[in-house]
Amino acid sequence: MPLTRPSCLYAADGEAVQVTEQLIRDAGYEPVSVGGLENARALEDFVPGVFAQIGQVFYRFAPPGEL
């Protein structure tokens, strides 16, 4: 069964997209763009709203390939 990498939402300036995506991949996530920096505030507002809807959230920590 193939391992599905968790995703990471990001907003970045056009010049920073490549570096931002590489850093996210290096951390073990799949980058998902929400657009440019003009969307950064909306992303910051979105995350707490999602957690409020989900309720209690747990994180799992493990070496790559062991989740």
Protein backbone atom coordinates (compact mmCIF):
# COMPACT_ATOMS: atom_id res chain seq x y z
CA MET A 1 0.00 0.00 0.00
CA PRO A 2 1.56 3.34 -1.03
CA LEU A 3 2.17 5.89 1.68
CA THR A 4 0.14 9.08 1.31
CA ARG A 5 2.08 12.12 2.40
CA PRO A 6 0.27 14.70 4.51
CA SER A 7 -0.20 18.05 2.84
CA CYS A 8 0.83 21.54 3.90
CA LEU A 9 -1.05 24.61 2.73
CA TYR A 10 1.08 27.66 1.96
CA ALA A 11 0.86 31.15 0.51
CA ALA A 12 4.02 32.50 -1.10
CA ASP A 13 5.34 35.29 -3.26
CA GLY A 14 5.97 34.11 -6.81
CA GLU A 15 9.74 34.32 -6.35
CA ALA A 16 9.59 32.14 -3.22
CA VAL A 17 7.35 29.31 -4.47
CA GLN A 18 10.14 26.96 -5.55
CA VAL A 19 12.09 27.31 -2.28
CA THR A 20 8.91 27.12 -0.20
CA GLU A 21 7.77 23.92 -1.92
CA GLN A 22 11.21 22.32 -1.54
CA LEU A 23 11.32 23.10 2.18
CA ILE A 24 7.84 21.63 2.63
CA ARG A 25 8.83 18.46 0.73
CA ASP A 26 12.06 18.19 2.74
CA ALA A 27 9.92 18.23 5.89
CA GLY A 28 7.91 15.27 4.54
CA TYR A 29 4.77 17.05 3.36
CA GLU A 30 3.15 17.59 -0.01
CA PRO A 31 2.92 21.34 -0.73
CA VAL A 32 -0.50 22.77 -1.64
CA SER A 33 -0.53 26.37 -2.82
CA VAL A 34 -3.37 28.69 -1.87
CA GLY A 35 -1.91 31.43 -4.06
CA GLY A 36 0.19 34.49 -3.44
CA LEU A 37 0.83 36.49 -0.32
CA GLU A 38 -2.48 38.27 -0.79
CA ASN A 39 -4.06 35.00 0.46
CA ALA A 40 -1.84 34.61 3.54
CA ARG A 41 -4.32 36.29 5.90
CA ALA A 42 -7.17 34.11 4.65
CA LEU A 43 -5.02 31.03 5.26
CA GLU A 44 -4.24 32.18 8.81
CA ASP A 45 -7.96 32.66 9.45
CA PHE A 46 -8.84 29.32 7.84
CA VAL A 47 -6.65 27.05 9.97
CA PRO A 48 -8.18 27.84 13.41
CA GLY A 49 -11.64 27.54 11.85
CA VAL A 50 -10.85 24.05 10.59
CA PHE A 51 -9.53 22.99 13.99
CA ALA A 52 -12.65 24.41 15.65
CA GLN A 53 -14.83 22.28 13.35
CA ILE A 54 -12.73 19.13 13.79
CA GLY A 55 -12.50 19.38 17.55
CA GLN A 56 -9.61 17.77 19.35
CA VAL A 57 -6.58 17.29 17.09
CA PHE A 58 -3.70 14.87 17.55
CA TYR A 59 -0.36 14.96 15.79
CA ARG A 60 1.68 11.87 14.97
CA PHE A 61 5.47 12.07 14.85
CA ALA A 62 7.52 9.39 13.13
CA PRO A 63 10.47 9.06 10.77
CA PRO A 64 9.58 9.28 7.06
CA GLY A 65 7.92 6.11 5.82
CA GLU A 66 6.81 4.93 9.25
CA LEU A 67 3.36 6.53 9.46
